[in-house]
Amino acid sequence: MRIDGVDPERVEAPIAAVLRAQARRWGAPLLNHLLYARRPTIFRGVRGMWGGLDASGLLDPKLVALVNRRVASLNGCLF
């Protein structure tokens, strides 16, 4: 990343909980979330968007996973 993310040990408790869950699932917090966490209001907004998409049931979770991987690939991210 061109901009350093946060130290996961030095963030608000709700953000730390999300980052810990990501570390359990993927082995480390996602880099984009470490960046979003620099501004907690932006972090909450992004998480709200993904939570809303999940809750809507409009997108199949498999499609969401494929889109995430494709976007990560386009951005040069090793997902």
PDB file of N, CA and C in Angstrom:
ATOM      1  N   MET A   1       0.835  -1.187   0.000  1.00  0.00           N
ATOM      2  CA  MET A   1       0.000   0.000   0.000  1.00  0.00           C
ATOM      3  C   MET A   1       0.874   1.242   0.000  1.00  0.00           C
ATOM      4  N   ARG A   2       0.388   2.257  -0.675  1.00  0.00           N
ATOM      5  CA  ARG A   2       1.108   3.531  -0.667  1.00  0.00           C
ATOM      6  C   ARG A   2       0.890   4.269   0.641  1.00  0.00           C
ATOM      7  N   ILE A   3      -0.249   4.020   1.281  1.00  0.00           N
ATOM      8  CA  ILE A   3      -0.574   4.649   2.554  1.00  0.00           C
ATOM      9  C   ILE A   3      -0.586   3.559   3.606  1.00  0.00           C
ATOM     10  N   ASP A   4       0.110   3.790   4.700  1.00  0.00           N
ATOM     11  CA  ASP A   4       0.154   2.796   5.768  1.00  0.00           C
ATOM     12  C   ASP A   4      -1.211   2.627   6.408  1.00  0.00           C
ATOM     13  N   GLY A   5      -1.545   1.379   6.707  1.00  0.00           N
ATOM     14  CA  GLY A   5      -2.759   1.083   7.451  1.00  0.00           C
ATOM     15  C   GLY A   5      -2.521   1.271   8.935  1.00  0.00           C
ATOM     16  N   VAL A   6      -3.555   1.013   9.710  1.00  0.00           N
ATOM     17  CA  VAL A   6      -3.467   1.160  11.158  1.00  0.00           C
ATOM     18  C   VAL A   6      -2.795  -0.061  11.778  1.00  0.00           C
ATOM     19  N   ASP A   7      -2.369   0.109  13.009  1.00  0.00           N
ATOM     20  CA  ASP A   7      -1.919  -1.014  13.827  1.00  0.00           C
ATOM     21  C   ASP A   7      -3.182  -1.624  14.428  1.00  0.00           C
ATOM     22  N   PRO A   8      -3.507  -2.872  14.109  1.00  0.00           N
ATOM     23  CA  PRO A   8      -4.751  -3.471  14.599  1.00  0.00           C
ATOM     24  C   PRO A   8      -4.888  -3.483  16.122  1.00  0.00           C
ATOM     25  N   GLU A   9      -3.777  -3.353  16.816  1.00  0.00           N
ATOM     26  CA  GLU A   9      -3.820  -3.344  18.281  1.00  0.00           C
ATOM     27  C   GLU A   9      -4.146  -1.960  18.848  1.00  0.00           C
ATOM     28  N   ARG A  10      -4.230  -0.952  17.977  1.00  0.00           N
ATOM     29  CA  ARG A  10      -4.424   0.418  18.458  1.00  0.00           C
ATOM     30  C   ARG A  10      -5.638   1.083  17.821  1.00  0.00           C
ATOM     31  N   VAL A  11      -6.730   0.333  17.699  1.00  0.00           N
ATOM     32  CA  VAL A  11      -7.963   0.862  17.118  1.00  0.00           C
ATOM     33  C   VAL A  11      -9.117   0.653  18.090  1.00  0.00           C
ATOM     34  N   GLU A  12     -10.247   1.284  17.774  1.00  0.00           N
ATOM     35  CA  GLU A  12     -11.449   1.131  18.594  1.00  0.00           C
ATOM     36  C   GLU A  12     -11.834  -0.344  18.676  1.00  0.00           C
ATOM     37  N   ALA A  13     -12.459  -0.719  19.789  1.00  0.00           N
ATOM     38  CA  ALA A  13     -12.820  -2.116  20.015  1.00  0.00           C
ATOM     39  C   ALA A  13     -13.650  -2.737  18.885  1.00  0.00           C
ATOM     40  N   PRO A  14     -14.690  -2.056  18.364  1.00  0.00           N
ATOM     41  CA  PRO A  14     -15.464  -2.693  17.286  1.00  0.00           C
ATOM     42  C   PRO A  14     -14.640  -2.938  16.015  1.00  0.00           C
ATOM     43  N   ILE A  15     -13.735  -2.016  15.708  1.00  0.00           N
ATOM     44  CA  ILE A  15     -12.880  -2.190  14.536  1.00  0.00           C
ATOM     45  C   ILE A  15     -11.892  -3.318  14.792  1.00  0.00           C
ATOM     46  N   ALA A  16     -11.330  -3.362  15.981  1.00  0.00           N
ATOM     47  CA  ALA A  16     -10.398  -4.431  16.339  1.00  0.00           C
ATOM     48  C   ALA A  16     -11.067  -5.794  16.213  1.00  0.00           C
ATOM     49  N   ALA A  17     -12.339  -5.883  16.591  1.00  0.00           N
ATOM     50  CA  ALA A  17     -13.059  -7.154  16.499  1.00  0.00           C
ATOM     51  C   ALA A  17     -13.182  -7.612  15.044  1.00  0.00           C
ATOM     52  N   VAL A  18     -13.468  -6.678  14.143  1.00  0.00           N
ATOM     53  CA  VAL A  18     -13.568  -7.019  12.715  1.00  0.00           C
ATOM     54  C   VAL A  18     -12.206  -7.482  12.208  1.00  0.00           C
ATOM     55  N   LEU A  19     -11.164  -6.773  12.560  1.00  0.00           N
ATOM     56  CA  LEU A  19      -9.825  -7.126  12.094  1.00  0.00           C
ATOM     57  C   LEU A  19      -9.376  -8.486  12.639  1.00  0.00           C
ATOM     58  N   ARG A  20      -9.730  -8.788  13.890  1.00  0.00           N
ATOM     59  CA  ARG A  20      -9.408 -10.104  14.459  1.00  0.00           C
ATOM     60  C   ARG A  20     -10.154 -11.207  13.720  1.00  0.00           C
ATOM     61  N   ALA A  21     -11.418 -10.960  13.408  1.00  0.00           N
ATOM     62  CA  ALA A  21     -12.208 -11.959  12.669  1.00  0.00           C
ATOM     63  C   ALA A  21     -11.595 -12.215  11.291  1.00  0.00           C
ATOM     64  N   GLN A  22     -11.140 -11.160  10.635  1.00  0.00           N
ATOM     65  CA  GLN A  22     -10.489 -11.329   9.338  1.00  0.00           C
ATOM     66  C   GLN A  22      -9.194 -12.137   9.490  1.00  0.00           C
ATOM     67  N   ALA A  23      -8.442 -11.860  10.540  1.00  0.00           N
ATOM     68  CA  ALA A  23      -7.189 -12.591  10.773  1.00  0.00           C
ATOM     69  C   ALA A  23      -7.469 -14.076  11.001  1.00  0.00           C
ATOM     70  N   ARG A  24      -8.542 -14.380  11.714  1.00  0.00           N
ATOM     71  CA  ARG A  24      -8.897 -15.787  11.925  1.00  0.00           C
ATOM     72  C   ARG A  24      -9.294 -16.452  10.605  1.00  0.00           C
ATOM     73  N   ARG A  25     -10.023 -15.736   9.785  1.00  0.00           N
ATOM     74  CA  ARG A  25     -10.533 -16.321   8.541  1.00  0.00           C
ATOM     75  C   ARG A  25      -9.475 -16.399   7.448  1.00  0.00           C
ATOM     76  N   TRP A  26      -8.674 -15.326   7.288  1.00  0.00           N
ATOM     77  CA  TRP A  26      -7.741 -15.259   6.169  1.00  0.00           C
ATOM     78  C   TRP A  26      -6.271 -15.221   6.582  1.00  0.00           C
ATOM     79  N   GLY A  27      -5.997 -15.298   7.862  1.00  0.00           N
ATOM     80  CA  GLY A  27      -4.612 -15.297   8.317  1.00  0.00           C
ATOM     81  C   GLY A  27      -4.055 -13.929   8.654  1.00  0.00           C
ATOM     82  N   ALA A  28      -4.744 -12.865   8.255  1.00  0.00           N
ATOM     83  CA  ALA A  28      -4.323 -11.489   8.544  1.00  0.00           C
ATOM     84  C   ALA A  28      -5.490 -10.565   8.216  1.00  0.00           C
ATOM     85  N   PRO A  29      -5.529  -9.392   8.843  1.00  0.00           N
ATOM     86  CA  PRO A  29      -6.566  -8.426   8.460  1.00  0.00           C
ATOM     87  C   PRO A  29      -6.393  -8.032   6.995  1.00  0.00           C
ATOM     88  N   LEU A  30      -7.490  -7.756   6.342  1.00  0.00           N
ATOM     89  CA  LEU A  30      -7.435  -7.332   4.938  1.00  0.00           C
ATOM     90  C   LEU A  30      -6.826  -5.933   4.858  1.00  0.00           C
ATOM     91  N   LEU A  31      -5.921  -5.755   3.908  1.00  0.00           N
ATOM     92  CA  LEU A  31      -5.196  -4.487   3.802  1.00  0.00           C
ATOM     93  C   LEU A  31      -6.132  -3.300   3.590  1.00  0.00           C
ATOM     94  N   ASN A  32      -7.193  -3.488   2.789  1.00  0.00           N
ATOM     95  CA  ASN A  32      -8.087  -2.354   2.569  1.00  0.00           C
ATOM     96  C   ASN A  32      -8.773  -1.934   3.863  1.00  0.00           C
ATOM     97  N   HIS A  33      -9.083  -2.898   4.735  1.00  0.00           N
ATOM     98  CA  HIS A  33      -9.717  -2.556   6.005  1.00  0.00           C
ATOM     99  C   HIS A  33      -8.741  -1.841   6.942  1.00  0.00           C
ATOM    100  N   LEU A  34      -7.464  -2.203   6.863  1.00  0.00           N
ATOM    101  CA  LEU A  34      -6.464  -1.485   7.668  1.00  0.00           C
ATOM    102  C   LEU A  34      -6.376  -0.027   7.221  1.00  0.00           C
ATOM    103  N   LEU A  35      -6.575   0.198   5.937  1.00  0.00           N
ATOM    104  CA  LEU A  35      -6.575   1.566   5.425  1.00  0.00           C
ATOM    105  C   LEU A  35      -7.851   2.294   5.833  1.00  0.00           C
ATOM    106  N   TYR A  36      -9.019   1.659   5.631  1.00  0.00           N
ATOM    107  CA  TYR A  36     -10.290   2.287   6.010  1.00  0.00           C
ATOM    108  C   TYR A  36     -10.298   2.655   7.497  1.00  0.00           C
ATOM    109  N   ALA A  37      -9.650   1.833   8.315  1.00  0.00           N
ATOM    110  CA  ALA A  37      -9.667   2.046   9.761  1.00  0.00           C
ATOM    111  C   ALA A  37      -8.923   3.311  10.181  1.00  0.00           C
ATOM    112  N   ARG A  38      -8.179   3.922   9.277  1.00  0.00           N
ATOM    113  CA  ARG A  38      -7.545   5.208   9.596  1.00  0.00           C
ATOM    114  C   ARG A  38      -8.612   6.256   9.909  1.00  0.00           C
ATOM    115  N   ARG A  39      -9.792   6.074   9.325  1.00  0.00           N
ATOM    116  CA  ARG A  39     -10.930   6.959   9.575  1.00  0.00           C
ATOM    117  C   ARG A  39     -12.115   6.089   9.966  1.00  0.00           C
ATOM    118  N   PRO A  40     -12.380   5.956  11.261  1.00  0.00           N
ATOM    119  CA  PRO A  40     -13.450   5.055  11.724  1.00  0.00           C
ATOM    120  C   PRO A  40     -14.803   5.298  11.062  1.00  0.00           C
ATOM    121  N   THR A  41     -15.130   6.536  10.730  1.00  0.00           N
ATOM    122  CA  THR A  41     -16.423   6.778  10.075  1.00  0.00           C
ATOM    123  C   THR A  41     -16.460   6.124   8.689  1.00  0.00           C
ATOM    124  N   ILE A  42     -15.346   6.169   7.972  1.00  0.00           N
ATOM    125  CA  ILE A  42     -15.280   5.521   6.660  1.00  0.00           C
ATOM    126  C   ILE A  42     -15.322   4.010   6.836  1.00  0.00           C
ATOM    127  N   PHE A  43     -14.604   3.498   7.823  1.00  0.00           N
ATOM    128  CA  PHE A  43     -14.614   2.063   8.102  1.00  0.00           C
ATOM    129  C   PHE A  43     -16.043   1.587   8.355  1.00  0.00           C
ATOM    130  N   ARG A  44     -16.766   2.295   9.207  1.00  0.00           N
ATOM    131  CA  ARG A  44     -18.154   1.901   9.517  1.00  0.00           C
ATOM    132  C   ARG A  44     -19.040   1.985   8.274  1.00  0.00           C
ATOM    133  N   GLY A  45     -18.809   2.985   7.419  1.00  0.00           N
ATOM    134  CA  GLY A  45     -19.597   3.115   6.199  1.00  0.00           C
ATOM    135  C   GLY A  45     -19.364   1.958   5.240  1.00  0.00           C
ATOM    136  N   VAL A  46     -18.105   1.589   5.058  1.00  0.00           N
ATOM    137  CA  VAL A  46     -17.774   0.477   4.165  1.00  0.00           C
ATOM    138  C   VAL A  46     -18.351  -0.822   4.715  1.00  0.00           C
ATOM    139  N   ARG A  47     -18.169  -1.039   6.004  1.00  0.00           N
ATOM    140  CA  ARG A  47     -18.707  -2.264   6.614  1.00  0.00           C
ATOM    141  C   ARG A  47     -20.234  -2.271   6.517  1.00  0.00           C
ATOM    142  N   GLY A  48     -20.857  -1.102   6.650  1.00  0.00           N
ATOM    143  CA  GLY A  48     -22.310  -1.016   6.513  1.00  0.00           C
ATOM    144  C   GLY A  48     -22.768  -1.389   5.117  1.00  0.00           C
ATOM    145  N   MET A  49     -22.009  -0.957   4.109  1.00  0.00           N
ATOM    146  CA  MET A  49     -22.351  -1.302   2.729  1.00  0.00           C
ATOM    147  C   MET A  49     -22.306  -2.810   2.534  1.00  0.00           C
ATOM    148  N   TRP A  50     -21.210  -3.449   2.968  1.00  0.00           N
ATOM    149  CA  TRP A  50     -21.093  -4.896   2.794  1.00  0.00           C
ATOM    150  C   TRP A  50     -22.140  -5.631   3.621  1.00  0.00           C
ATOM    151  N   GLY A  51     -22.404  -5.146   4.827  1.00  0.00           N
ATOM    152  CA  GLY A  51     -23.445  -5.767   5.650  1.00  0.00           C
ATOM    153  C   GLY A  51     -24.809  -5.650   4.994  1.00  0.00           C
ATOM    154  N   GLY A  52     -25.091  -4.498   4.390  1.00  0.00           N
ATOM    155  CA  GLY A  52     -26.359  -4.294   3.694  1.00  0.00           C
ATOM    156  C   GLY A  52     -26.503  -5.196   2.491  1.00  0.00           C
ATOM    157  N   LEU A  53     -25.424  -5.347   1.739  1.00  0.00           N
ATOM    158  CA  LEU A  53     -25.459  -6.263   0.590  1.00  0.00           C
ATOM    159  C   LEU A  53     -25.703  -7.700   1.047  1.00  0.00           C
ATOM    160  N   ASP A  54     -25.023  -8.092   2.113  1.00  0.00           N
ATOM    161  CA  ASP A  54     -25.223  -9.452   2.643  1.00  0.00           C
ATOM    162  C   ASP A  54     -26.655  -9.650   3.121  1.00  0.00           C
ATOM    163  N   ALA A  55     -27.173  -8.677   3.851  1.00  0.00           N
ATOM    164  CA  ALA A  55     -28.513  -8.793   4.426  1.00  0.00           C
ATOM    165  C   ALA A  55     -29.616  -8.725   3.373  1.00  0.00           C
ATOM    166  N   SER A  56     -29.347  -8.070   2.250  1.00  0.00           N
ATOM    167  CA  SER A  56     -30.387  -7.902   1.229  1.00  0.00           C
ATOM    168  C   SER A  56     -30.764  -9.221   0.573  1.00  0.00           C
ATOM    169  N   GLY A  57     -29.806 -10.127   0.504  1.00  0.00           N
ATOM    170  CA  GLY A  57     -30.066 -11.392  -0.159  1.00  0.00           C
ATOM    171  C   GLY A  57     -30.152 -11.274  -1.673  1.00  0.00           C
ATOM    172  N   LEU A  58     -29.838 -10.102  -2.219  1.00  0.00           N
ATOM    173  CA  LEU A  58     -29.942  -9.893  -3.660  1.00  0.00           C
ATOM    174  C   LEU A  58     -28.791 -10.513  -4.439  1.00  0.00           C
ATOM    175  N   LEU A  59     -27.665 -10.657  -3.770  1.00  0.00           N
ATOM    176  CA  LEU A  59     -26.497 -11.223  -4.442  1.00  0.00           C
ATOM    177  C   LEU A  59     -26.137 -12.555  -3.803  1.00  0.00           C
ATOM    178  N   ASP A  60     -25.936 -13.541  -4.635  1.00  0.00           N
ATOM    179  CA  ASP A  60     -25.504 -14.842  -4.149  1.00  0.00           C
ATOM    180  C   ASP A  60     -24.107 -14.693  -3.535  1.00  0.00           C
ATOM    181  N   PRO A  61     -23.874 -15.234  -2.340  1.00  0.00           N
ATOM    182  CA  PRO A  61     -22.556 -15.107  -1.702  1.00  0.00           C
ATOM    183  C   PRO A  61     -21.409 -15.604  -2.585  1.00  0.00           C
ATOM    184  N   LYS A  62     -21.665 -16.613  -3.423  1.00  0.00           N
ATOM    185  CA  LYS A  62     -20.609 -17.098  -4.325  1.00  0.00           C
ATOM    186  C   LYS A  62     -20.255 -16.037  -5.365  1.00  0.00           C
ATOM    187  N   LEU A  63     -21.254 -15.306  -5.836  1.00  0.00           N
ATOM    188  CA  LEU A  63     -21.002 -14.230  -6.797  1.00  0.00           C
ATOM    189  C   LEU A  63     -20.207 -13.111  -6.137  1.00  0.00           C
ATOM    190  N   VAL A  64     -20.562 -12.760  -4.915  1.00  0.00           N
ATOM    191  CA  VAL A  64     -19.834 -11.719  -4.181  1.00  0.00           C
ATOM    192  C   VAL A  64     -18.365 -12.121  -4.038  1.00  0.00           C
ATOM    193  N   ALA A  65     -18.124 -13.387  -3.695  1.00  0.00           N
ATOM    194  CA  ALA A  65     -16.748 -13.860  -3.541  1.00  0.00           C
ATOM    195  C   ALA A  65     -15.991 -13.761  -4.861  1.00  0.00           C
ATOM    196  N   LEU A  66     -16.629 -14.131  -5.954  1.00  0.00           N
ATOM    197  CA  LEU A  66     -15.975 -14.038  -7.258  1.00  0.00           C
ATOM    198  C   LEU A  66     -15.669 -12.599  -7.641  1.00  0.00           C
ATOM    199  N   VAL A  67     -16.607 -11.706  -7.384  1.00  0.00           N
ATOM    200  CA  VAL A  67     -16.395 -10.289  -7.693  1.00  0.00           C
ATOM    201  C   VAL A  67     -15.253  -9.734  -6.847  1.00  0.00           C
ATOM    202  N   ASN A  68     -15.227 -10.072  -5.558  1.00  0.00           N
ATOM    203  CA  ASN A  68     -14.146  -9.610  -4.678  1.00  0.00           C
ATOM    204  C   ASN A  68     -12.790 -10.063  -5.199  1.00  0.00           C
ATOM    205  N   ARG A  69     -12.704 -11.307  -5.603  1.00  0.00           N
ATOM    206  CA  ARG A  69     -11.431 -11.824  -6.100  1.00  0.00           C
ATOM    207  C   ARG A  69     -11.033 -11.155  -7.414  1.00  0.00           C
ATOM    208  N   ARG A  70     -12.001 -10.914  -8.271  1.00  0.00           N
ATOM    209  CA  ARG A  70     -11.703 -10.257  -9.551  1.00  0.00           C
ATOM    210  C   ARG A  70     -11.208  -8.833  -9.322  1.00  0.00           C
ATOM    211  N   VAL A  71     -11.888  -8.095  -8.467  1.00  0.00           N
ATOM    212  CA  VAL A  71     -11.470  -6.726  -8.165  1.00  0.00           C
ATOM    213  C   VAL A  71     -10.085  -6.727  -7.527  1.00  0.00           C
ATOM    214  N   ALA A  72      -9.847  -7.662  -6.605  1.00  0.00           N
ATOM    215  CA  ALA A  72      -8.533  -7.759  -5.977  1.00  0.00           C
ATOM    216  C   ALA A  72      -7.462  -8.016  -7.039  1.00  0.00           C
ATOM    217  N   SER A  73      -7.753  -8.908  -7.968  1.00  0.00           N
ATOM    218  CA  SER A  73      -6.811  -9.211  -9.036  1.00  0.00           C
ATOM    219  C   SER A  73      -6.532  -7.984  -9.901  1.00  0.00           C
ATOM    220  N   LEU A  74      -7.574  -7.267 -10.250  1.00  0.00           N
ATOM    221  CA  LEU A  74      -7.405  -6.054 -11.072  1.00  0.00           C
ATOM    222  C   LEU A  74      -6.573  -5.001 -10.357  1.00  0.00           C
ATOM    223  N   ASN A  75      -6.659  -4.998  -9.023  1.00  0.00           N
ATOM    224  CA  ASN A  75      -5.893  -4.027  -8.227  1.00  0.00           C
ATOM    225  C   ASN A  75      -4.504  -4.532  -7.864  1.00  0.00           C
ATOM    226  N   GLY A  76      -4.159  -5.714  -8.370  1.00  0.00           N
ATOM    227  CA  GLY A  76      -2.824  -6.258  -8.070  1.00  0.00           C
ATOM    228  C   GLY A  76      -2.702  -6.814  -6.665  1.00  0.00           C
ATOM    229  N   CYS A  77      -3.825  -7.133  -6.051  1.00  0.00           N
ATOM    230  CA  CYS A  77      -3.830  -7.663  -4.677  1.00  0.00           C
ATOM    231  C   CYS A  77      -3.794  -9.179  -4.715  1.00  0.00           C
ATOM    232  N   LEU A  78      -2.928  -9.765  -3.938  1.00  0.00           N
ATOM    233  CA  LEU A  78      -2.894 -11.223  -3.817  1.00  0.00           C
ATOM    234  C   LEU A  78      -3.972 -11.615  -2.827  1.00  0.00           C
ATOM    235  N   PHE A  79      -5.076 -12.073  -3.321  1.00  0.00           N
ATOM    236  CA  PHE A  79      -6.217 -12.406  -2.449  1.00  0.00           C
ATOM    237  C   PHE A  79      -6.148 -13.837  -2.053  1.00  0.00           C
TER     238      PHE A  79
END
